[in-house]
């Protein structure tokens, strides 16, 4: 999904490559990362299909904190979820960005 990919570009820049982002970008990435973690936790709880997809995976590559079900935010991990969940996440990212952009457009 397009917006999910955009999120990962900025997320990886900030947290994998340790490159600074503009403060507004960092705030947005942090907010969306926290929401994604919560969405993943909910999906994990609700979907046995999602849980089965990770059965044979190396736990060190999947989990930041397995006990609390905090999954590492990686493209590979999210790719293992069902298409419907990835589309839901993409829609969430698009909506969040649009909510931030629309007031700016109205000011112009």
N, C-alpha and C. Protein backbone atom coordinates (compact mmCIF):
# COMPACT_ATOMS: atom_id res chain seq x y z
N UNK A 1 0.82 -1.22 0.00
CA UNK A 1 0.00 0.00 0.00
C UNK A 1 0.85 1.27 0.00
N UNK A 2 0.43 2.23 -0.74
CA UNK A 2 1.20 3.43 -1.00
C UNK A 2 1.51 4.22 0.27
N UNK A 3 0.51 4.52 1.07
CA UNK A 3 0.73 5.37 2.25
C UNK A 3 1.54 4.64 3.31
N UNK A 4 1.35 3.35 3.41
CA UNK A 4 2.13 2.55 4.35
C UNK A 4 3.61 2.58 3.96
N UNK A 5 3.87 2.52 2.68
CA UNK A 5 5.25 2.60 2.19
C UNK A 5 5.85 3.96 2.52
N UNK A 6 5.09 5.02 2.33
CA UNK A 6 5.56 6.36 2.68
C UNK A 6 5.90 6.45 4.17
N UNK A 7 5.04 5.87 4.99
CA UNK A 7 5.31 5.86 6.43
C UNK A 7 6.65 5.17 6.71
N UNK A 8 6.88 4.02 6.09
CA UNK A 8 8.11 3.29 6.35
C UNK A 8 9.36 4.04 5.89
N UNK A 9 9.24 4.82 4.83
CA UNK A 9 10.38 5.63 4.40
C UNK A 9 10.82 6.54 5.53
N UNK A 10 9.87 7.24 6.13
CA UNK A 10 10.18 8.19 7.20
C UNK A 10 10.53 7.46 8.51
N UNK A 11 9.81 6.40 8.82
CA UNK A 11 10.08 5.64 10.03
C UNK A 11 11.50 5.08 10.01
N UNK A 12 11.88 4.47 8.89
CA UNK A 12 13.22 3.89 8.79
C UNK A 12 14.30 4.97 8.81
N UNK A 13 14.00 6.09 8.19
CA UNK A 13 14.96 7.19 8.22
C UNK A 13 15.24 7.63 9.65
N UNK A 14 14.19 7.70 10.45
CA UNK A 14 14.33 8.17 11.83
C UNK A 14 14.88 7.09 12.76
N UNK A 15 14.39 5.86 12.64
CA UNK A 15 14.69 4.85 13.65
C UNK A 15 15.69 3.78 13.22
N UNK A 16 15.88 3.61 11.93
CA UNK A 16 16.87 2.62 11.46
C UNK A 16 18.16 3.34 11.08
N UNK A 17 18.02 4.39 10.27
CA UNK A 17 19.19 5.12 9.79
C UNK A 17 19.63 6.23 10.75
N UNK A 18 18.81 6.51 11.77
CA UNK A 18 19.09 7.55 12.76
C UNK A 18 19.35 8.91 12.13
N UNK A 19 18.59 9.23 11.10
CA UNK A 19 18.68 10.54 10.47
C UNK A 19 17.60 11.44 11.06
N UNK A 20 17.92 12.67 11.33
CA UNK A 20 16.93 13.57 11.93
C UNK A 20 15.81 13.91 10.94
N UNK A 21 14.62 14.04 11.48
CA UNK A 21 13.46 14.51 10.70
C UNK A 21 13.09 15.89 11.22
N UNK A 22 12.33 16.61 10.43
CA UNK A 22 11.76 17.86 10.92
C UNK A 22 10.91 17.52 12.14
N UNK A 23 10.76 18.43 13.08
CA UNK A 23 10.03 18.12 14.31
C UNK A 23 8.59 17.68 14.03
N UNK A 24 7.92 18.32 13.07
CA UNK A 24 6.54 17.94 12.75
C UNK A 24 6.49 16.53 12.14
N UNK A 25 7.53 16.19 11.34
CA UNK A 25 7.58 14.84 10.77
C UNK A 25 7.81 13.80 11.86
N UNK A 26 8.71 14.12 12.78
CA UNK A 26 9.00 13.19 13.87
C UNK A 26 7.76 12.96 14.72
N UNK A 27 7.05 14.04 15.02
CA UNK A 27 5.81 13.91 15.80
C UNK A 27 4.79 13.03 15.09
N UNK A 28 4.65 13.23 13.79
CA UNK A 28 3.70 12.45 13.01
C UNK A 28 4.12 10.97 12.94
N UNK A 29 5.39 10.72 12.71
CA UNK A 29 5.89 9.34 12.66
C UNK A 29 5.70 8.66 14.01
N UNK A 30 6.00 9.36 15.09
CA UNK A 30 5.82 8.78 16.43
C UNK A 30 4.35 8.46 16.71
N UNK A 31 3.47 9.39 16.36
CA UNK A 31 2.04 9.18 16.58
C UNK A 31 1.53 7.97 15.78
N UNK A 32 1.92 7.91 14.52
CA UNK A 32 1.46 6.80 13.68
C UNK A 32 2.09 5.48 14.11
N UNK A 33 3.34 5.49 14.53
CA UNK A 33 3.99 4.26 14.98
C UNK A 33 3.26 3.71 16.20
N UNK A 34 2.92 4.56 17.15
CA UNK A 34 2.20 4.11 18.33
C UNK A 34 0.82 3.55 17.96
N UNK A 35 0.14 4.22 17.05
CA UNK A 35 -1.17 3.72 16.60
C UNK A 35 -1.03 2.40 15.87
N UNK A 36 0.01 2.25 15.07
CA UNK A 36 0.22 0.98 14.36
C UNK A 36 0.49 -0.15 15.34
N UNK A 37 1.27 0.12 16.36
CA UNK A 37 1.53 -0.90 17.38
C UNK A 37 0.22 -1.34 18.02
N UNK A 38 -0.64 -0.39 18.34
CA UNK A 38 -1.94 -0.72 18.93
C UNK A 38 -2.82 -1.50 17.96
N UNK A 39 -2.81 -1.11 16.69
CA UNK A 39 -3.60 -1.83 15.68
C UNK A 39 -3.08 -3.25 15.49
N UNK A 40 -1.78 -3.42 15.51
CA UNK A 40 -1.18 -4.75 15.37
C UNK A 40 -1.55 -5.61 16.58
N UNK A 41 -1.48 -5.04 17.77
CA UNK A 41 -1.85 -5.79 18.97
C UNK A 41 -3.31 -6.26 18.88
N UNK A 42 -4.18 -5.39 18.42
CA UNK A 42 -5.59 -5.75 18.29
C UNK A 42 -5.76 -6.84 17.23
N UNK A 43 -5.09 -6.69 16.08
CA UNK A 43 -5.19 -7.67 15.01
C UNK A 43 -4.65 -9.03 15.48
N UNK A 44 -3.57 -8.99 16.22
CA UNK A 44 -2.98 -10.23 16.74
C UNK A 44 -3.97 -10.96 17.64
N UNK A 45 -4.64 -10.21 18.47
CA UNK A 45 -5.61 -10.79 19.40
C UNK A 45 -6.82 -11.36 18.67
N UNK A 46 -7.27 -10.67 17.62
CA UNK A 46 -8.52 -11.02 16.95
C UNK A 46 -8.37 -12.06 15.83
N UNK A 47 -7.18 -12.19 15.24
CA UNK A 47 -7.06 -12.99 14.03
C UNK A 47 -6.12 -14.18 14.19
N UNK A 48 -6.69 -15.37 14.18
CA UNK A 48 -5.84 -16.57 14.25
C UNK A 48 -5.01 -16.71 12.98
N UNK A 49 -5.53 -16.22 11.87
CA UNK A 49 -4.78 -16.26 10.61
C UNK A 49 -3.50 -15.43 10.74
N UNK A 50 -3.60 -14.29 11.38
CA UNK A 50 -2.41 -13.46 11.60
C UNK A 50 -1.41 -14.18 12.50
N UNK A 51 -1.90 -14.77 13.56
CA UNK A 51 -1.00 -15.47 14.48
C UNK A 51 -0.29 -16.64 13.79
N UNK A 52 -1.03 -17.37 12.97
CA UNK A 52 -0.43 -18.52 12.26
C UNK A 52 0.68 -18.08 11.31
N UNK A 53 0.55 -16.91 10.72
CA UNK A 53 1.55 -16.43 9.77
C UNK A 53 2.92 -16.24 10.41
N UNK A 54 2.95 -16.08 11.73
CA UNK A 54 4.21 -15.80 12.42
C UNK A 54 4.76 -17.00 13.20
N UNK A 55 4.10 -18.13 13.13
CA UNK A 55 4.48 -19.30 13.95
C UNK A 55 5.93 -19.70 13.74
N UNK A 56 6.37 -19.78 12.51
CA UNK A 56 7.72 -20.27 12.22
C UNK A 56 8.76 -19.17 12.09
N UNK A 57 8.41 -17.97 12.46
CA UNK A 57 9.32 -16.83 12.32
C UNK A 57 10.29 -16.76 13.49
N UNK A 58 11.46 -16.22 13.23
CA UNK A 58 12.46 -15.98 14.26
C UNK A 58 11.92 -14.88 15.19
N UNK A 59 11.71 -15.22 16.44
CA UNK A 59 11.10 -14.29 17.40
C UNK A 59 11.92 -13.01 17.56
N UNK A 60 13.21 -13.10 17.41
CA UNK A 60 14.06 -11.90 17.56
C UNK A 60 13.81 -10.90 16.44
N UNK A 61 13.37 -11.39 15.28
CA UNK A 61 13.08 -10.50 14.16
C UNK A 61 11.65 -9.96 14.19
N UNK A 62 10.79 -10.62 14.95
CA UNK A 62 9.39 -10.23 14.98
C UNK A 62 9.07 -9.29 16.13
N UNK A 63 9.59 -9.58 17.31
CA UNK A 63 9.11 -8.89 18.52
C UNK A 63 10.11 -7.91 19.10
N UNK A 64 9.61 -6.74 19.47
CA UNK A 64 10.34 -5.84 20.35
C UNK A 64 10.11 -6.29 21.79
N UNK A 65 8.86 -6.70 22.09
CA UNK A 65 8.50 -7.19 23.41
C UNK A 65 7.37 -8.22 23.22
N UNK A 66 7.74 -9.49 23.21
CA UNK A 66 6.75 -10.54 22.93
C UNK A 66 5.69 -10.63 24.01
N UNK A 67 6.06 -10.45 25.26
CA UNK A 67 5.09 -10.57 26.35
C UNK A 67 3.96 -9.55 26.21
N UNK A 68 4.30 -8.33 25.80
CA UNK A 68 3.30 -7.27 25.63
C UNK A 68 2.76 -7.21 24.20
N UNK A 69 3.23 -8.13 23.35
CA UNK A 69 2.82 -8.19 21.94
C UNK A 69 3.13 -6.90 21.20
N UNK A 70 4.32 -6.39 21.44
CA UNK A 70 4.79 -5.21 20.70
C UNK A 70 5.72 -5.71 19.60
N UNK A 71 5.20 -5.68 18.40
CA UNK A 71 5.91 -6.20 17.24
C UNK A 71 6.83 -5.12 16.67
N UNK A 72 7.96 -5.55 16.13
CA UNK A 72 8.83 -4.60 15.44
C UNK A 72 8.11 -4.11 14.19
N UNK A 73 8.19 -2.81 13.97
CA UNK A 73 7.56 -2.24 12.78
C UNK A 73 8.51 -2.37 11.61
N UNK A 74 8.31 -3.44 10.86
CA UNK A 74 9.10 -3.67 9.65
C UNK A 74 8.16 -3.98 8.50
N UNK A 75 8.64 -3.73 7.29
CA UNK A 75 7.84 -4.05 6.11
C UNK A 75 7.53 -5.54 6.08
N UNK A 76 8.51 -6.35 6.41
CA UNK A 76 8.34 -7.81 6.36
C UNK A 76 7.25 -8.26 7.33
N UNK A 77 7.30 -7.74 8.55
CA UNK A 77 6.29 -8.15 9.53
C UNK A 77 4.88 -7.76 9.07
N UNK A 78 4.72 -6.53 8.61
CA UNK A 78 3.39 -6.10 8.17
C UNK A 78 2.94 -6.83 6.91
N UNK A 79 3.89 -7.25 6.07
CA UNK A 79 3.54 -7.97 4.86
C UNK A 79 2.91 -9.32 5.16
N UNK A 80 3.17 -9.87 6.33
CA UNK A 80 2.62 -11.18 6.69
C UNK A 80 1.16 -11.12 7.14
N UNK A 81 0.68 -9.94 7.44
CA UNK A 81 -0.73 -9.79 7.82
C UNK A 81 -1.61 -9.87 6.57
N UNK A 82 -2.89 -10.13 6.79
CA UNK A 82 -3.83 -10.21 5.68
C UNK A 82 -3.91 -8.88 4.94
N UNK A 83 -4.27 -8.97 3.66
CA UNK A 83 -4.42 -7.77 2.84
C UNK A 83 -5.42 -6.79 3.44
N UNK A 84 -6.50 -7.31 4.00
CA UNK A 84 -7.52 -6.41 4.56
C UNK A 84 -6.94 -5.57 5.71
N UNK A 85 -6.07 -6.16 6.52
CA UNK A 85 -5.47 -5.39 7.61
C UNK A 85 -4.50 -4.36 7.06
N UNK A 86 -3.68 -4.74 6.10
CA UNK A 86 -2.73 -3.78 5.50
C UNK A 86 -3.49 -2.63 4.85
N UNK A 87 -4.60 -2.94 4.19
CA UNK A 87 -5.41 -1.88 3.57
C UNK A 87 -6.01 -0.96 4.64
N UNK A 88 -6.42 -1.54 5.76
CA UNK A 88 -6.95 -0.75 6.87
C UNK A 88 -5.86 0.20 7.41
N UNK A 89 -4.66 -0.30 7.55
CA UNK A 89 -3.54 0.52 8.04
C UNK A 89 -3.23 1.62 7.03
N UNK A 90 -3.23 1.29 5.75
CA UNK A 90 -2.96 2.28 4.72
C UNK A 90 -4.02 3.39 4.76
N UNK A 91 -5.27 3.01 4.95
CA UNK A 91 -6.37 3.97 5.05
C UNK A 91 -6.19 4.87 6.28
N UNK A 92 -5.77 4.27 7.39
CA UNK A 92 -5.52 5.05 8.60
C UNK A 92 -4.43 6.10 8.35
N UNK A 93 -3.34 5.70 7.71
CA UNK A 93 -2.24 6.63 7.45
C UNK A 93 -2.71 7.76 6.53
N UNK A 94 -3.43 7.41 5.48
CA UNK A 94 -3.93 8.43 4.55
C UNK A 94 -4.85 9.41 5.27
N UNK A 95 -5.75 8.91 6.09
CA UNK A 95 -6.69 9.76 6.82
C UNK A 95 -5.96 10.67 7.80
N UNK A 96 -4.98 10.13 8.51
CA UNK A 96 -4.22 10.93 9.47
C UNK A 96 -3.48 12.06 8.77
N UNK A 97 -2.85 11.76 7.65
CA UNK A 97 -2.12 12.79 6.91
C UNK A 97 -3.09 13.83 6.35
N UNK A 98 -4.20 13.37 5.81
CA UNK A 98 -5.20 14.29 5.26
C UNK A 98 -5.75 15.22 6.34
N UNK A 99 -5.98 14.70 7.54
CA UNK A 99 -6.46 15.53 8.64
C UNK A 99 -5.47 16.63 8.99
N UNK A 100 -4.19 16.36 8.79
CA UNK A 100 -3.17 17.38 9.07
C UNK A 100 -3.04 18.39 7.94
N UNK A 101 -3.24 17.93 6.71
CA UNK A 101 -3.02 18.79 5.54
C UNK A 101 -4.22 19.71 5.27
N UNK A 102 -5.43 19.21 5.46
CA UNK A 102 -6.62 20.00 5.10
C UNK A 102 -6.68 21.36 5.80
N UNK A 103 -6.40 21.46 7.10
CA UNK A 103 -6.44 22.80 7.71
C UNK A 103 -5.40 23.76 7.12
N UNK A 104 -4.26 23.23 6.72
CA UNK A 104 -3.23 24.07 6.10
C UNK A 104 -3.71 24.56 4.75
N UNK A 105 -4.34 23.68 4.00
CA UNK A 105 -4.89 24.07 2.68
C UNK A 105 -5.94 25.17 2.84
N UNK A 106 -6.76 25.06 3.86
CA UNK A 106 -7.80 26.05 4.08
C UNK A 106 -7.21 27.42 4.41
N UNK A 107 -6.07 27.45 5.07
CA UNK A 107 -5.44 28.72 5.40
C UNK A 107 -4.88 29.40 4.16
N UNK A 108 -4.50 28.59 3.18
CA UNK A 108 -3.91 29.17 1.95
C UNK A 108 -5.03 29.64 1.09
